[in-house]
N, C-alpha and C. Protein backbone atom coordinates (compact mmCIF):
# COMPACT_ATOMS: atom_id res chain seq x y z
N MET A 1 148.57 103.39 63.09
CA MET A 1 147.10 103.25 61.67
C MET A 1 146.32 104.88 62.30
N ASP A 2 145.83 106.00 61.33
CA ASP A 2 144.60 106.41 61.55
C ASP A 2 143.14 106.40 60.78
N ILE A 3 142.75 106.36 61.96
CA ILE A 3 141.27 106.87 61.69
C ILE A 3 140.46 107.42 61.40
N ARG A 4 139.67 108.26 60.57
CA ARG A 4 139.62 109.19 60.10
C ARG A 4 138.23 109.76 59.55
N PRO A 5 137.33 110.40 59.25
CA PRO A 5 136.19 110.02 57.81
C PRO A 5 136.57 110.30 56.53
N LEU A 6 135.83 109.46 56.12
CA LEU A 6 136.29 109.65 54.99
C LEU A 6 135.80 110.61 53.91
N ASP A 7 136.92 111.06 52.98
CA ASP A 7 136.49 111.80 52.13
C ASP A 7 136.25 112.06 50.89
N LEU A 8 134.71 112.63 51.13
CA LEU A 8 133.40 112.41 50.81
C LEU A 8 133.81 112.96 48.66
N ASP A 9 134.45 113.56 48.71
CA ASP A 9 134.72 114.35 47.53
C ASP A 9 135.88 114.05 47.06
N ASP A 10 136.36 112.74 47.55
CA ASP A 10 137.51 112.09 46.74
C ASP A 10 137.17 110.86 46.00
N ASP A 11 136.78 111.32 45.65
CA ASP A 11 136.48 110.22 44.33
C ASP A 11 137.21 108.66 44.87
N ALA A 12 138.84 108.74 44.26
CA ALA A 12 139.91 108.08 44.07
C ALA A 12 139.56 106.87 46.06
N GLU A 13 138.93 108.26 46.60
CA GLU A 13 139.37 107.62 48.39
C GLU A 13 138.07 107.22 48.08
N PHE A 14 137.24 107.28 47.83
CA PHE A 14 135.73 107.26 48.36
C PHE A 14 135.42 105.52 47.14
N ARG A 15 136.62 105.16 45.49
CA ARG A 15 135.91 104.09 45.25
C ARG A 15 137.09 102.68 45.77
N ARG A 16 138.03 103.11 46.63
CA ARG A 16 138.68 102.58 47.67
C ARG A 16 138.05 102.39 48.76
N PHE A 17 137.24 103.08 49.36
CA PHE A 17 136.81 102.28 50.69
C PHE A 17 135.59 101.35 50.11
N HIS A 18 135.26 101.77 48.49
CA HIS A 18 134.08 100.59 48.15
C HIS A 18 134.79 99.11 48.24
N GLN A 19 135.57 99.25 47.62
CA GLN A 19 136.91 98.00 47.20
C GLN A 19 136.91 97.57 48.31
N VAL A 20 137.43 97.98 49.38
CA VAL A 20 136.76 97.09 51.15
C VAL A 20 136.60 96.88 50.97
N MET A 21 134.42 97.81 51.28
CA MET A 21 133.70 97.51 51.96
C MET A 21 133.05 96.12 51.28
N GLU A 22 132.96 95.98 50.09
CA GLU A 22 132.67 94.88 48.73
C GLU A 22 133.76 93.38 49.68
N SER A 23 134.52 94.28 49.61
CA SER A 23 135.62 92.44 50.12
C SER A 23 135.62 91.80 51.40
N ALA A 24 134.95 92.77 52.18
CA ALA A 24 135.18 92.87 53.86
C ALA A 24 133.70 91.06 53.66
N GLU A 25 132.39 92.21 52.89
CA GLU A 25 131.12 91.56 52.69
C GLU A 25 130.88 90.38 51.72
N ARG A 26 131.62 90.38 51.18
CA ARG A 26 132.32 89.02 50.73
C ARG A 26 132.86 87.98 50.99
N PHE A 27 133.40 88.41 51.51
CA PHE A 27 133.77 87.01 52.25
C PHE A 27 133.73 86.73 53.29
N GLU A 28 133.10 87.49 54.28
CA GLU A 28 131.57 87.18 55.32
C GLU A 28 131.06 86.20 54.89
N ARG A 29 129.91 87.52 53.96
CA ARG A 29 129.09 86.54 53.34
C ARG A 29 128.69 86.57 51.97
N PRO A 30 128.80 85.49 51.15
CA PRO A 30 129.97 85.36 49.77
C PRO A 30 128.37 85.40 48.44
N ALA A 31 127.29 85.13 49.15
CA ALA A 31 126.32 85.65 48.94
C ALA A 31 125.27 86.71 48.61
N ALA A 32 125.80 87.22 49.50
CA ALA A 32 124.60 88.80 49.87
C ALA A 32 124.75 89.70 49.04
N ALA A 33 123.51 90.60 48.87
CA ALA A 33 123.50 91.56 48.09
C ALA A 33 125.02 92.74 48.42
N MET A 34 125.31 93.32 47.76
CA MET A 34 126.16 94.53 47.83
C MET A 34 125.55 95.49 47.09
N TRP A 35 125.88 96.98 48.05
CA TRP A 35 125.61 97.83 47.54
C TRP A 35 126.30 98.37 46.23
N SER A 36 125.77 99.33 45.48
CA SER A 36 126.75 99.11 44.69
C SER A 36 127.35 100.29 44.96
N MET A 37 128.13 100.59 43.53
CA MET A 37 129.67 101.93 43.70
C MET A 37 127.92 103.42 44.15
N ASP A 38 127.39 102.72 43.18
CA ASP A 38 126.10 104.54 42.42
C ASP A 38 125.42 104.37 43.98
N GLU A 39 125.13 103.50 44.32
CA GLU A 39 124.19 103.22 45.85
C GLU A 39 124.70 103.90 46.27
N ALA A 40 126.17 103.40 47.22
CA ALA A 40 126.59 103.75 48.52
C ALA A 40 126.97 105.26 48.32
N ARG A 41 127.27 106.05 46.57
CA ARG A 41 127.82 107.23 46.92
C ARG A 41 126.50 107.40 47.07
N VAL A 42 124.78 107.61 47.08
CA VAL A 42 124.17 107.82 47.40
C VAL A 42 123.76 108.34 48.76
N MET A 43 124.36 107.10 49.50
CA MET A 43 124.36 106.45 50.65
C MET A 43 125.28 107.43 51.94
N PHE A 44 125.98 107.81 51.37
CA PHE A 44 127.04 108.14 52.39
C PHE A 44 127.24 109.77 51.93
N ARG A 45 126.87 110.61 50.30
CA ARG A 45 126.77 111.80 50.09
C ARG A 45 125.83 112.27 50.12
N GLU A 46 124.41 111.50 50.40
CA GLU A 46 123.46 112.79 50.55
C GLU A 46 122.72 112.63 51.84
N PRO A 47 121.69 112.99 52.25
CA PRO A 47 120.89 113.24 53.47
C PRO A 47 119.84 112.36 53.28
N GLN A 48 119.77 111.08 54.32
CA GLN A 48 118.74 111.05 54.06
C GLN A 48 117.79 110.91 55.36
N PRO A 49 116.49 110.30 55.31
CA PRO A 49 115.41 110.99 56.56
C PRO A 49 115.60 110.50 57.11
N GLY A 50 115.58 111.23 58.43
CA GLY A 50 115.94 109.59 59.05
C GLY A 50 117.05 109.32 60.29
N GLU A 51 117.99 109.74 59.55
CA GLU A 51 119.14 109.18 59.69
C GLU A 51 120.43 109.44 59.03
N ARG A 52 121.66 109.33 59.57
CA ARG A 52 122.51 110.44 59.06
C ARG A 52 123.94 108.90 59.15
N ALA A 53 124.60 108.59 58.19
CA ALA A 53 125.52 108.36 57.54
C ALA A 53 126.83 108.75 58.04
N LEU A 54 127.65 107.79 58.46
CA LEU A 54 128.77 108.43 58.69
C LEU A 54 130.01 107.25 58.53
N ALA A 55 130.47 107.20 57.52
CA ALA A 55 131.81 106.48 56.29
C ALA A 55 133.27 106.71 56.98
N LEU A 56 134.37 106.07 57.75
CA LEU A 56 135.07 106.21 58.28
C LEU A 56 135.77 105.71 57.03
N VAL A 57 137.21 105.59 57.36
CA VAL A 57 138.00 104.97 57.03
C VAL A 57 139.85 104.43 57.32
N ALA A 58 140.55 103.27 57.34
CA ALA A 58 141.40 103.31 58.33
C ALA A 58 142.59 103.16 57.12
N VAL A 59 143.68 104.14 57.77
CA VAL A 59 145.22 104.64 56.72
C VAL A 59 145.99 104.27 57.88
N GLU A 60 146.65 103.39 56.70
CA GLU A 60 148.13 103.73 57.80
C GLU A 60 149.10 103.64 55.79
N SER A 61 150.02 103.92 56.92
CA SER A 61 151.34 105.19 56.11
C SER A 61 150.88 105.26 54.61
N GLY A 62 149.79 105.96 54.55
CA GLY A 62 149.08 105.94 53.24
C GLY A 62 148.43 105.74 52.26
N ARG A 63 147.63 104.46 52.65
CA ARG A 63 147.62 103.57 52.21
C ARG A 63 146.20 102.86 53.17
N LEU A 64 144.99 103.06 52.39
CA LEU A 64 143.20 102.73 53.28
C LEU A 64 143.40 101.36 53.54
N VAL A 65 143.19 100.87 53.97
CA VAL A 65 143.68 99.15 54.90
C VAL A 65 142.31 98.69 55.47
N GLY A 66 141.53 99.67 56.21
CA GLY A 66 139.77 99.58 56.30
C GLY A 66 138.90 100.39 56.45
N ALA A 67 137.25 99.75 56.56
CA ALA A 67 136.79 101.04 56.49
C ALA A 67 135.44 100.59 58.09
N GLY A 68 134.35 101.83 57.66
CA GLY A 68 133.56 101.13 58.91
C GLY A 68 132.77 102.04 58.25
N ALA A 69 131.04 102.30 58.47
CA ALA A 69 130.43 103.52 58.45
C ALA A 69 129.39 102.74 59.77
N ALA A 70 128.89 103.95 60.01
CA ALA A 70 128.01 103.82 61.72
C ALA A 70 126.61 104.37 61.03
N PHE A 71 125.90 104.14 61.42
CA PHE A 71 124.12 104.39 60.79
C PHE A 71 123.60 105.57 62.19
N LEU A 72 123.21 107.02 62.31
CA LEU A 72 122.80 107.35 63.06
C LEU A 72 121.44 107.49 63.35
N PRO A 73 120.53 107.05 63.78
CA PRO A 73 119.14 107.74 63.99
C PRO A 73 118.77 109.03 63.91
N THR A 74 117.61 109.99 63.49
CA THR A 74 118.17 111.67 63.76
C THR A 74 116.41 112.26 64.44
N ALA A 75 115.94 110.74 64.30
CA ALA A 75 114.38 110.97 64.66
C ALA A 75 113.42 110.07 65.90
N ASP A 76 114.04 109.47 65.68
CA ASP A 76 114.19 108.29 66.65
C ASP A 76 114.47 107.24 67.36
N ASN A 77 114.29 105.98 68.51
CA ASN A 77 115.37 105.46 69.09
C ASN A 77 117.20 105.93 68.84
N LEU A 78 116.94 107.88 69.46
CA LEU A 78 117.82 108.26 69.56
C LEU A 78 119.72 107.16 70.53
N HIS A 79 118.77 106.49 71.00
CA HIS A 79 119.69 105.09 72.47
C HIS A 79 120.24 104.08 70.52
N VAL A 80 120.30 104.24 70.05
CA VAL A 80 121.10 103.00 69.10
C VAL A 80 121.88 103.60 67.85
N ASP A 81 122.48 102.87 68.09
CA ASP A 81 123.11 102.92 66.08
C ASP A 81 123.05 101.33 65.79
N TRP A 82 124.03 102.09 64.75
CA TRP A 82 124.30 100.67 63.70
C TRP A 82 125.56 101.08 63.03
N VAL A 83 126.79 99.46 63.41
CA VAL A 83 128.31 100.19 62.81
C VAL A 83 128.35 98.94 62.14
N MET A 84 129.01 99.49 61.03
CA MET A 84 130.09 98.69 59.56
C MET A 84 130.92 98.38 59.88
N PRO A 85 131.95 97.77 60.43
CA PRO A 85 133.19 97.81 60.51
C PRO A 85 133.88 96.81 59.24
N TRP A 86 134.39 97.11 58.40
CA TRP A 86 134.79 95.75 57.29
C TRP A 86 136.42 96.34 57.03
């Protein structure tokens, strides 16, 4: 299994990333609010003030089987990160 950054320019990979993210969130918290595909695109493709979002994927035999994200502060609280494995 390889873990690597999500190819933000690959729309098919981004859709699969979003599917994995949504499936994992729905399993853990069925009633939780979920980022739409458009919201996720903005979150990961557009620079955010004060925070850098890093999307990761787990790929096995050419298939995206896992996803995750790290949210890294850039202005303050530089000693903490928010990590979401899916």
